[in-house]
Amino acid sequence: MDDITNEQERSPGKIEKQPWQMTKTEYEAKFGAPRGNSTVTGNFSKHKSSVEIALNRGLKVPQEVLEDYPDLKDL
Protein backbone atom coordinates (compact mmCIF):
# COMPACT_ATOMS: atom_id res chain seq x y z
CA MET A 1 0.00 0.00 0.00
CA ASP A 2 3.01 2.28 0.10
CA ASP A 3 2.46 2.86 -3.62
CA ILE A 4 -1.08 4.01 -2.83
CA THR A 5 -0.02 6.69 -0.40
CA ASN A 6 2.83 7.73 -2.69
CA GLU A 7 0.42 8.10 -5.62
CA GLN A 8 -1.82 10.37 -3.56
CA GLU A 9 1.16 12.59 -2.78
CA ARG A 10 2.18 12.81 -6.46
CA SER A 11 -1.20 13.77 -7.85
CA PRO A 12 -3.31 15.45 -5.15
CA GLY A 13 -5.70 16.93 -7.73
CA LYS A 14 -6.75 13.47 -8.92
CA ILE A 15 -7.10 11.65 -5.62
CA GLU A 16 -9.52 8.78 -5.89
CA LYS A 17 -10.72 6.86 -2.87
CA GLN A 18 -8.71 3.75 -2.20
CA PRO A 19 -10.59 0.51 -1.39
CA TRP A 20 -9.91 0.90 2.34
CA GLN A 21 -11.41 4.41 2.23
CA MET A 22 -14.67 3.21 0.65
CA THR A 23 -17.66 1.87 2.46
CA LYS A 24 -18.61 -1.69 1.60
CA THR A 25 -21.47 -0.35 -0.56
CA GLU A 26 -19.14 2.00 -2.48
CA TYR A 27 -16.60 -0.80 -2.95
CA GLU A 28 -19.20 -3.22 -4.29
CA ALA A 29 -20.64 -0.56 -6.62
CA LYS A 30 -17.20 -0.02 -8.14
CA PHE A 31 -15.71 -3.54 -8.08
CA GLY A 32 -18.78 -5.77 -7.82
CA ALA A 33 -20.28 -7.78 -5.00
CA PRO A 34 -18.56 -10.93 -3.77
CA ARG A 35 -19.59 -14.03 -5.70
CA GLY A 36 -19.97 -16.19 -2.61
CA ASN A 37 -16.77 -18.09 -3.29
CA SER A 38 -14.79 -19.09 -0.26
CA THR A 39 -11.18 -20.00 0.27
CA VAL A 40 -9.58 -22.77 2.25
CA THR A 41 -9.48 -20.43 5.25
CA GLY A 42 -13.17 -19.52 4.99
CA ASN A 43 -14.99 -16.60 3.45
CA PHE A 44 -12.54 -13.99 2.23
CA SER A 45 -13.40 -10.38 1.53
CA LYS A 46 -10.93 -8.31 -0.47
CA HIS A 47 -12.52 -5.15 0.89
CA LYS A 48 -12.35 -6.22 4.53
CA SER A 49 -8.78 -7.37 4.01
CA SER A 50 -7.78 -4.00 2.54
CA VAL A 51 -9.38 -2.21 5.51
CA GLU A 52 -7.56 -4.49 7.95
CA ILE A 53 -4.21 -3.92 6.22
CA ALA A 54 -4.77 -0.15 6.28
CA LEU A 55 -5.51 -0.25 10.00
CA ASN A 56 -2.44 -2.36 10.68
CA ARG A 57 -0.33 0.15 8.76
CA GLY A 58 -1.68 3.01 10.80
CA LEU A 59 -3.62 4.62 7.96
CA LYS A 60 -6.66 6.69 8.86
CA VAL A 61 -9.70 4.63 7.92
CA PRO A 62 -12.96 6.62 7.81
CA GLN A 63 -15.45 5.90 10.59
CA GLU A 64 -18.21 5.00 8.10
CA VAL A 65 -15.96 2.26 6.71
CA LEU A 66 -15.29 0.86 10.18
CA GLU A 67 -19.04 0.68 10.76
CA ASP A 68 -19.16 -2.03 8.06
CA TYR A 69 -16.71 -4.14 10.09
CA PRO A 70 -17.29 -3.67 13.84
CA ASP A 71 -14.83 -6.49 14.59
CA LEU A 72 -11.99 -4.36 13.16
CA LYS A 73 -12.65 -1.26 15.29
CA ASP A 74 -10.26 -2.43 18.01
CA LEU A 75 -7.23 -2.87 15.73
PDB file of N, CA and C in Angstrom:
ATOM      1  N   MET A   1       0.807  -1.193   0.000  1.00  0.00           N
ATOM      2  CA  MET A   1       0.000   0.000   0.000  1.00  0.00           C
ATOM      3  C   MET A   1       0.852   1.258   0.000  1.00  0.00           C
ATOM      4  N   ASP A   2       2.156   1.105   0.147  1.00  0.00           N
ATOM      5  CA  ASP A   2       3.012   2.284   0.096  1.00  0.00           C
ATOM      6  C   ASP A   2       2.846   2.999  -1.230  1.00  0.00           C
ATOM      7  N   ASP A   3       2.661   2.240  -2.313  1.00  0.00           N
ATOM      8  CA  ASP A   3       2.463   2.858  -3.615  1.00  0.00           C
ATOM      9  C   ASP A   3       1.169   3.666  -3.668  1.00  0.00           C
ATOM     10  N   ILE A   4       0.177   3.273  -2.877  1.00  0.00           N
ATOM     11  CA  ILE A   4      -1.082   4.005  -2.831  1.00  0.00           C
ATOM     12  C   ILE A   4      -0.876   5.379  -2.197  1.00  0.00           C
ATOM     13  N   THR A   5      -0.218   5.409  -1.058  1.00  0.00           N
ATOM     14  CA  THR A   5      -0.017   6.693  -0.395  1.00  0.00           C
ATOM     15  C   THR A   5       0.928   7.559  -1.203  1.00  0.00           C
ATOM     16  N   ASN A   6       1.917   6.965  -1.848  1.00  0.00           N
ATOM     17  CA  ASN A   6       2.830   7.734  -2.692  1.00  0.00           C
ATOM     18  C   ASN A   6       2.104   8.330  -3.883  1.00  0.00           C
ATOM     19  N   GLU A   7       1.179   7.601  -4.482  1.00  0.00           N
ATOM     20  CA  GLU A   7       0.416   8.096  -5.621  1.00  0.00           C
ATOM     21  C   GLU A   7      -0.429   9.290  -5.211  1.00  0.00           C
ATOM     22  N   GLN A   8      -1.006   9.246  -4.026  1.00  0.00           N
ATOM     23  CA  GLN A   8      -1.816  10.366  -3.560  1.00  0.00           C
ATOM     24  C   GLN A   8      -0.967  11.613  -3.379  1.00  0.00           C
ATOM     25  N   GLU A   9       0.271  11.453  -2.958  1.00  0.00           N
ATOM     26  CA  GLU A   9       1.159  12.592  -2.779  1.00  0.00           C
ATOM     27  C   GLU A   9       1.582  13.179  -4.117  1.00  0.00           C
ATOM     28  N   ARG A  10       1.730  12.340  -5.151  1.00  0.00           N
ATOM     29  CA  ARG A  10       2.184  12.806  -6.462  1.00  0.00           C
ATOM     30  C   ARG A  10       1.108  13.562  -7.229  1.00  0.00           C
ATOM     31  N   SER A  11      -0.136  13.154  -7.069  1.00  0.00           N
ATOM     32  CA  SER A  11      -1.205  13.773  -7.851  1.00  0.00           C
ATOM     33  C   SER A  11      -2.397  14.129  -6.963  1.00  0.00           C
ATOM     34  N   PRO A  12      -2.227  15.121  -6.085  1.00  0.00           N
ATOM     35  CA  PRO A  12      -3.306  15.449  -5.154  1.00  0.00           C
ATOM     36  C   PRO A  12      -4.586  15.935  -5.825  1.00  0.00           C
ATOM     37  N   GLY A  13      -4.510  16.469  -7.041  1.00  0.00           N
ATOM     38  CA  GLY A  13      -5.705  16.932  -7.734  1.00  0.00           C
ATOM     39  C   GLY A  13      -6.572  15.801  -8.251  1.00  0.00           C
ATOM     40  N   LYS A  14      -6.022  14.609  -8.361  1.00  0.00           N
ATOM     41  CA  LYS A  14      -6.752  13.468  -8.920  1.00  0.00           C
ATOM     42  C   LYS A  14      -6.868  12.336  -7.901  1.00  0.00           C
ATOM     43  N   ILE A  15      -7.023  12.679  -6.654  1.00  0.00           N
ATOM     44  CA  ILE A  15      -7.105  11.645  -5.618  1.00  0.00           C
ATOM     45  C   ILE A  15      -8.441  10.922  -5.727  1.00  0.00           C
ATOM     46  N   GLU A  16      -8.350   9.637  -5.847  1.00  0.00           N
ATOM     47  CA  GLU A  16      -9.524   8.778  -5.887  1.00  0.00           C
ATOM     48  C   GLU A  16      -9.503   7.959  -4.616  1.00  0.00           C
ATOM     49  N   LYS A  17     -10.665   7.662  -4.083  1.00  0.00           N
ATOM     50  CA  LYS A  17     -10.717   6.863  -2.869  1.00  0.00           C
ATOM     51  C   LYS A  17     -10.073   5.506  -3.123  1.00  0.00           C
ATOM     52  N   GLN A  18      -9.299   5.079  -2.165  1.00  0.00           N
ATOM     53  CA  GLN A  18      -8.711   3.749  -2.197  1.00  0.00           C
ATOM     54  C   GLN A  18      -9.729   2.770  -1.607  1.00  0.00           C
ATOM     55  N   PRO A  19      -9.608   1.471  -1.895  1.00  0.00           N
ATOM     56  CA  PRO A  19     -10.586   0.506  -1.387  1.00  0.00           C
ATOM     57  C   PRO A  19     -10.818   0.607   0.122  1.00  0.00           C
ATOM     58  N   TRP A  20      -9.764   0.834   0.881  1.00  0.00           N
ATOM     59  CA  TRP A  20      -9.908   0.905   2.336  1.00  0.00           C
ATOM     60  C   TRP A  20     -10.547   2.212   2.802  1.00  0.00           C
ATOM     61  N   GLN A  21     -10.737   3.158   1.902  1.00  0.00           N
ATOM     62  CA  GLN A  21     -11.410   4.412   2.235  1.00  0.00           C
ATOM     63  C   GLN A  21     -12.885   4.394   1.829  1.00  0.00           C
ATOM     64  N   MET A  22     -13.293   3.344   1.129  1.00  0.00           N
ATOM     65  CA  MET A  22     -14.668   3.210   0.646  1.00  0.00           C
ATOM     66  C   MET A  22     -15.492   2.394   1.628  1.00  0.00           C
ATOM     67  N   THR A  23     -16.768   2.733   1.707  1.00  0.00           N
ATOM     68  CA  THR A  23     -17.661   1.865   2.464  1.00  0.00           C
ATOM     69  C   THR A  23     -17.840   0.572   1.654  1.00  0.00           C
ATOM     70  N   LYS A  24     -18.381  -0.421   2.293  1.00  0.00           N
ATOM     71  CA  LYS A  24     -18.613  -1.692   1.603  1.00  0.00           C
ATOM     72  C   LYS A  24     -19.523  -1.482   0.389  1.00  0.00           C
ATOM     73  N   THR A  25     -20.531  -0.636   0.537  1.00  0.00           N
ATOM     74  CA  THR A  25     -21.467  -0.348  -0.564  1.00  0.00           C
ATOM     75  C   THR A  25     -20.749   0.325  -1.727  1.00  0.00           C
ATOM     76  N   GLU A  26     -19.896   1.311  -1.426  1.00  0.00           N
ATOM     77  CA  GLU A  26     -19.138   1.998  -2.480  1.00  0.00           C
ATOM     78  C   GLU A  26     -18.198   1.024  -3.187  1.00  0.00           C
ATOM     79  N   TYR A  27     -17.533   0.181  -2.391  1.00  0.00           N
ATOM     80  CA  TYR A  27     -16.596  -0.797  -2.947  1.00  0.00           C
ATOM     81  C   TYR A  27     -17.327  -1.750  -3.898  1.00  0.00           C
ATOM     82  N   GLU A  28     -18.462  -2.273  -3.452  1.00  0.00           N
ATOM     83  CA  GLU A  28     -19.205  -3.224  -4.285  1.00  0.00           C
ATOM     84  C   GLU A  28     -19.785  -2.560  -5.531  1.00  0.00           C
ATOM     85  N   ALA A  29     -20.136  -1.276  -5.450  1.00  0.00           N
ATOM     86  CA  ALA A  29     -20.636  -0.560  -6.623  1.00  0.00           C
ATOM     87  C   ALA A  29     -19.533  -0.400  -7.669  1.00  0.00           C
ATOM     88  N   LYS A  30     -18.315  -0.224  -7.213  1.00  0.00           N
ATOM     89  CA  LYS A  30     -17.203  -0.025  -8.140  1.00  0.00           C
ATOM     90  C   LYS A  30     -16.599  -1.340  -8.643  1.00  0.00           C
ATOM     91  N   PHE A  31     -16.419  -2.307  -7.736  1.00  0.00           N
ATOM     92  CA  PHE A  31     -15.710  -3.537  -8.079  1.00  0.00           C
ATOM     93  C   PHE A  31     -16.600  -4.776  -8.162  1.00  0.00           C
ATOM     94  N   GLY A  32     -17.868  -4.630  -7.789  1.00  0.00           N
ATOM     95  CA  GLY A  32     -18.779  -5.771  -7.821  1.00  0.00           C
ATOM     96  C   GLY A  32     -18.894  -6.445  -6.469  1.00  0.00           C
ATOM     97  N   ALA A  33     -20.018  -7.074  -6.257  1.00  0.00           N
ATOM     98  CA  ALA A  33     -20.275  -7.778  -5.003  1.00  0.00           C
ATOM     99  C   ALA A  33     -19.539  -9.115  -5.010  1.00  0.00           C
ATOM    100  N   PRO A  34     -19.204  -9.614  -3.833  1.00  0.00           N
ATOM    101  CA  PRO A  34     -18.564 -10.931  -3.768  1.00  0.00           C
ATOM    102  C   PRO A  34     -19.456 -11.998  -4.394  1.00  0.00           C
ATOM    103  N   ARG A  35     -18.843 -12.976  -4.993  1.00  0.00           N
ATOM    104  CA  ARG A  35     -19.585 -14.032  -5.700  1.00  0.00           C
ATOM    105  C   ARG A  35     -19.992 -15.174  -4.790  1.00  0.00           C
ATOM    106  N   GLY A  36     -19.621 -15.107  -3.522  1.00  0.00           N
ATOM    107  CA  GLY A  36     -19.969 -16.190  -2.613  1.00  0.00           C
ATOM    108  C   GLY A  36     -18.926 -17.285  -2.586  1.00  0.00           C
ATOM    109  N   ASN A  37     -17.848 -17.101  -3.332  1.00  0.00           N
ATOM    110  CA  ASN A  37     -16.771 -18.087  -3.286  1.00  0.00           C
ATOM    111  C   ASN A  37     -16.088 -18.016  -1.932  1.00  0.00           C
ATOM    112  N   SER A  38     -15.545 -19.099  -1.502  1.00  0.00           N
ATOM    113  CA  SER A  38     -14.786 -19.089  -0.257  1.00  0.00           C
ATOM    114  C   SER A  38     -13.426 -19.711  -0.518  1.00  0.00           C
ATOM    115  N   THR A  39     -12.531 -19.454   0.382  1.00  0.00           N
ATOM    116  CA  THR A  39     -11.183 -19.999   0.270  1.00  0.00           C
ATOM    117  C   THR A  39     -11.023 -21.117   1.274  1.00  0.00           C
ATOM    118  N   VAL A  40      -9.867 -21.696   1.304  1.00  0.00           N
ATOM    119  CA  VAL A  40      -9.579 -22.769   2.255  1.00  0.00           C
ATOM    120  C   VAL A  40      -9.732 -22.259   3.683  1.00  0.00           C
ATOM    121  N   THR A  41      -9.416 -20.998   3.896  1.00  0.00           N
ATOM    122  CA  THR A  41      -9.481 -20.425   5.249  1.00  0.00           C
ATOM    123  C   THR A  41     -10.860 -19.889   5.594  1.00  0.00           C
ATOM    124  N   GLY A  42     -11.826 -20.028   4.730  1.00  0.00           N
ATOM    125  CA  GLY A  42     -13.170 -19.522   4.986  1.00  0.00           C
ATOM    126  C   GLY A  42     -13.511 -18.397   4.034  1.00  0.00           C
ATOM    127  N   ASN A  43     -14.585 -17.706   4.316  1.00  0.00           N
ATOM    128  CA  ASN A  43     -14.994 -16.602   3.449  1.00  0.00           C
ATOM    129  C   ASN A  43     -13.951 -15.504   3.500  1.00  0.00           C
ATOM    130  N   PHE A  44     -13.565 -15.022   2.344  1.00  0.00           N
ATOM    131  CA  PHE A  44     -12.538 -13.989   2.233  1.00  0.00           C
ATOM    132  C   PHE A  44     -13.128 -12.778   1.545  1.00  0.00           C
ATOM    133  N   SER A  45     -12.920 -11.623   2.113  1.00  0.00           N
ATOM    134  CA  SER A  45     -13.400 -10.382   1.531  1.00  0.00           C
ATOM    135  C   SER A  45     -12.207  -9.502   1.207  1.00  0.00           C
ATOM    136  N   LYS A  46     -12.033  -9.189  -0.070  1.00  0.00           N
ATOM    137  CA  LYS A  46     -10.930  -8.311  -0.467  1.00  0.00           C
ATOM    138  C   LYS A  46     -11.071  -6.943   0.191  1.00  0.00           C
ATOM    139  N   HIS A  47     -12.309  -6.465   0.283  1.00  0.00           N
ATOM    140  CA  HIS A  47     -12.524  -5.153   0.888  1.00  0.00           C
ATOM    141  C   HIS A  47     -12.147  -5.169   2.366  1.00  0.00           C
ATOM    142  N   LYS A  48     -12.659  -6.134   3.100  1.00  0.00           N
ATOM    143  CA  LYS A  48     -12.346  -6.219   4.532  1.00  0.00           C
ATOM    144  C   LYS A  48     -10.846  -6.380   4.745  1.00  0.00           C
ATOM    145  N   SER A  49     -10.223  -7.170   3.903  1.00  0.00           N
ATOM    146  CA  SER A  49      -8.781  -7.368   4.007  1.00  0.00           C
ATOM    147  C   SER A  49      -8.025  -6.058   3.782  1.00  0.00           C
ATOM    148  N   SER A  50      -8.457  -5.267   2.808  1.00  0.00           N
ATOM    149  CA  SER A  50      -7.776  -3.999   2.540  1.00  0.00           C
ATOM    150  C   SER A  50      -7.961  -3.025   3.710  1.00  0.00           C
ATOM    151  N   VAL A  51      -9.129  -3.056   4.339  1.00  0.00           N
ATOM    152  CA  VAL A  51      -9.383  -2.210   5.508  1.00  0.00           C
ATOM    153  C   VAL A  51      -8.481  -2.655   6.666  1.00  0.00           C
ATOM    154  N   GLU A  52      -8.393  -3.948   6.873  1.00  0.00           N
ATOM    155  CA  GLU A  52      -7.562  -4.486   7.954  1.00  0.00           C
ATOM    156  C   GLU A  52      -6.086  -4.146   7.746  1.00  0.00           C
ATOM    157  N   ILE A  53      -5.608  -4.263   6.527  1.00  0.00           N
ATOM    158  CA  ILE A  53      -4.214  -3.919   6.221  1.00  0.00           C
ATOM    159  C   ILE A  53      -3.970  -2.440   6.479  1.00  0.00           C
ATOM    160  N   ALA A  54      -4.906  -1.593   6.056  1.00  0.00           N
ATOM    161  CA  ALA A  54      -4.767  -0.148   6.278  1.00  0.00           C
ATOM    162  C   ALA A  54      -4.689   0.163   7.768  1.00  0.00           C
ATOM    163  N   LEU A  55      -5.540  -0.467   8.551  1.00  0.00           N
ATOM    164  CA  LEU A  55      -5.513  -0.246   9.997  1.00  0.00           C
ATOM    165  C   LEU A  55      -4.186  -0.694  10.593  1.00  0.00           C
ATOM    166  N   ASN A  56      -3.708  -1.844  10.168  1.00  0.00           N
ATOM    167  CA  ASN A  56      -2.437  -2.356  10.682  1.00  0.00           C
ATOM    168  C   ASN A  56      -1.259  -1.475  10.295  1.00  0.00           C
ATOM    169  N   ARG A  57      -1.395  -0.769   9.199  1.00  0.00           N
ATOM    170  CA  ARG A  57      -0.333   0.148   8.755  1.00  0.00           C
ATOM    171  C   ARG A  57      -0.456   1.534   9.368  1.00  0.00           C
ATOM    172  N   GLY A  58      -1.502   1.723  10.143  1.00  0.00           N
ATOM    173  CA  GLY A  58      -1.684   3.006  10.803  1.00  0.00           C
ATOM    174  C   GLY A  58      -2.329   4.066   9.939  1.00  0.00           C
ATOM    175  N   LEU A  59      -2.942   3.665   8.832  1.00  0.00           N
ATOM    176  CA  LEU A  59      -3.619   4.618   7.964  1.00  0.00           C
ATOM    177  C   LEU A  59      -4.963   5.000   8.578  1.00  0.00           C
ATOM    178  N   LYS A  60      -5.418   6.199   8.299  1.00  0.00           N
ATOM    179  CA  LYS A  60      -6.663   6.692   8.860  1.00  0.00           C
ATOM    180  C   LYS A  60      -7.832   6.183   8.026  1.00  0.00           C
ATOM    181  N   VAL A  61      -8.549   5.225   8.586  1.00  0.00           N
ATOM    182  CA  VAL A  61      -9.704   4.633   7.916  1.00  0.00           C
ATOM    183  C   VAL A  61     -10.946   5.402   8.376  1.00  0.00           C
ATOM    184  N   PRO A  62     -11.765   5.867   7.434  1.00  0.00           N
ATOM    185  CA  PRO A  62     -12.958   6.624   7.810  1.00  0.00           C
ATOM    186  C   PRO A  62     -13.902   5.829   8.718  1.00  0.00           C
ATOM    187  N   GLN A  63     -14.545   6.533   9.627  1.00  0.00           N
ATOM    188  CA  GLN A  63     -15.454   5.905  10.586  1.00  0.00           C
ATOM    189  C   GLN A  63     -16.577   5.137   9.890  1.00  0.00           C
ATOM    190  N   GLU A  64     -17.101   5.681   8.791  1.00  0.00           N
ATOM    191  CA  GLU A  64     -18.210   5.001   8.099  1.00  0.00           C
ATOM    192  C   GLU A  64     -17.764   3.665   7.499  1.00  0.00           C
ATOM    193  N   VAL A  65     -16.485   3.534   7.205  1.00  0.00           N
ATOM    194  CA  VAL A  65     -15.958   2.257   6.706  1.00  0.00           C
ATOM    195  C   VAL A  65     -15.871   1.271   7.865  1.00  0.00           C
ATOM    196  N   LEU A  66     -15.408   1.733   9.005  1.00  0.00           N
ATOM    197  CA  LEU A  66     -15.291   0.862  10.182  1.00  0.00           C
ATOM    198  C   LEU A  66     -16.654   0.354  10.648  1.00  0.00           C
ATOM    199  N   GLU A  67     -17.696   1.119  10.380  1.00  0.00           N
ATOM    200  CA  GLU A  67     -19.043   0.683  10.762  1.00  0.00           C
ATOM    201  C   GLU A  67     -19.462  -0.576  10.001  1.00  0.00           C
ATOM    202  N   ASP A  68     -18.878  -0.803   8.823  1.00  0.00           N
ATOM    203  CA  ASP A  68     -19.160  -2.029   8.062  1.00  0.00           C
ATOM    204  C   ASP A  68     -18.527  -3.257   8.712  1.00  0.00           C
ATOM    205  N   TYR A  69     -17.464  -3.040   9.478  1.00  0.00           N
ATOM    206  CA  TYR A  69     -16.714  -4.144  10.090  1.00  0.00           C
ATOM    207  C   TYR A  69     -16.444  -3.853  11.562  1.00  0.00           C
ATOM    208  N   PRO A  70     -17.459  -3.990  12.413  1.00  0.00           N
ATOM    209  CA  PRO A  70     -17.290  -3.670  13.837  1.00  0.00           C
ATOM    210  C   PRO A  70     -16.170  -4.470  14.509  1.00  0.00           C
ATOM    211  N   ASP A  71     -15.883  -5.667  13.992  1.00  0.00           N
ATOM    212  CA  ASP A  71     -14.835  -6.492  14.592  1.00  0.00           C
ATOM    213  C   ASP A  71     -13.435  -5.912  14.352  1.00  0.00           C
ATOM    214  N   LEU A  72     -13.293  -4.954  13.437  1.00  0.00           N
ATOM    215  CA  LEU A  72     -11.989  -4.359  13.164  1.00  0.00           C
ATOM    216  C   LEU A  72     -11.757  -3.058  13.932  1.00  0.00           C
ATOM    217  N   LYS A  73     -12.765  -2.551  14.611  1.00  0.00           N
ATOM    218  CA  LYS A  73     -12.648  -1.260  15.290  1.00  0.00           C
ATOM    219  C   LYS A  73     -11.558  -1.242  16.351  1.00  0.00           C
ATOM    220  N   ASP A  74     -11.247  -2.390  16.929  1.00  0.00           N
ATOM    221  CA  ASP A  74     -10.260  -2.433  18.010  1.00  0.00           C
ATOM    222  C   ASP A  74      -8.827  -2.633  17.534  1.00  0.00           C
ATOM    223  N   LEU A  75      -8.597  -2.668  16.223  1.00  0.00           N
ATOM    224  CA  LEU A  75      -7.231  -2.872  15.726  1.00  0.00           C
ATOM    225  C   LEU A  75      -6.397  -1.629  15.877  1.00  0.00           C
TER     226      LEU A  75
END
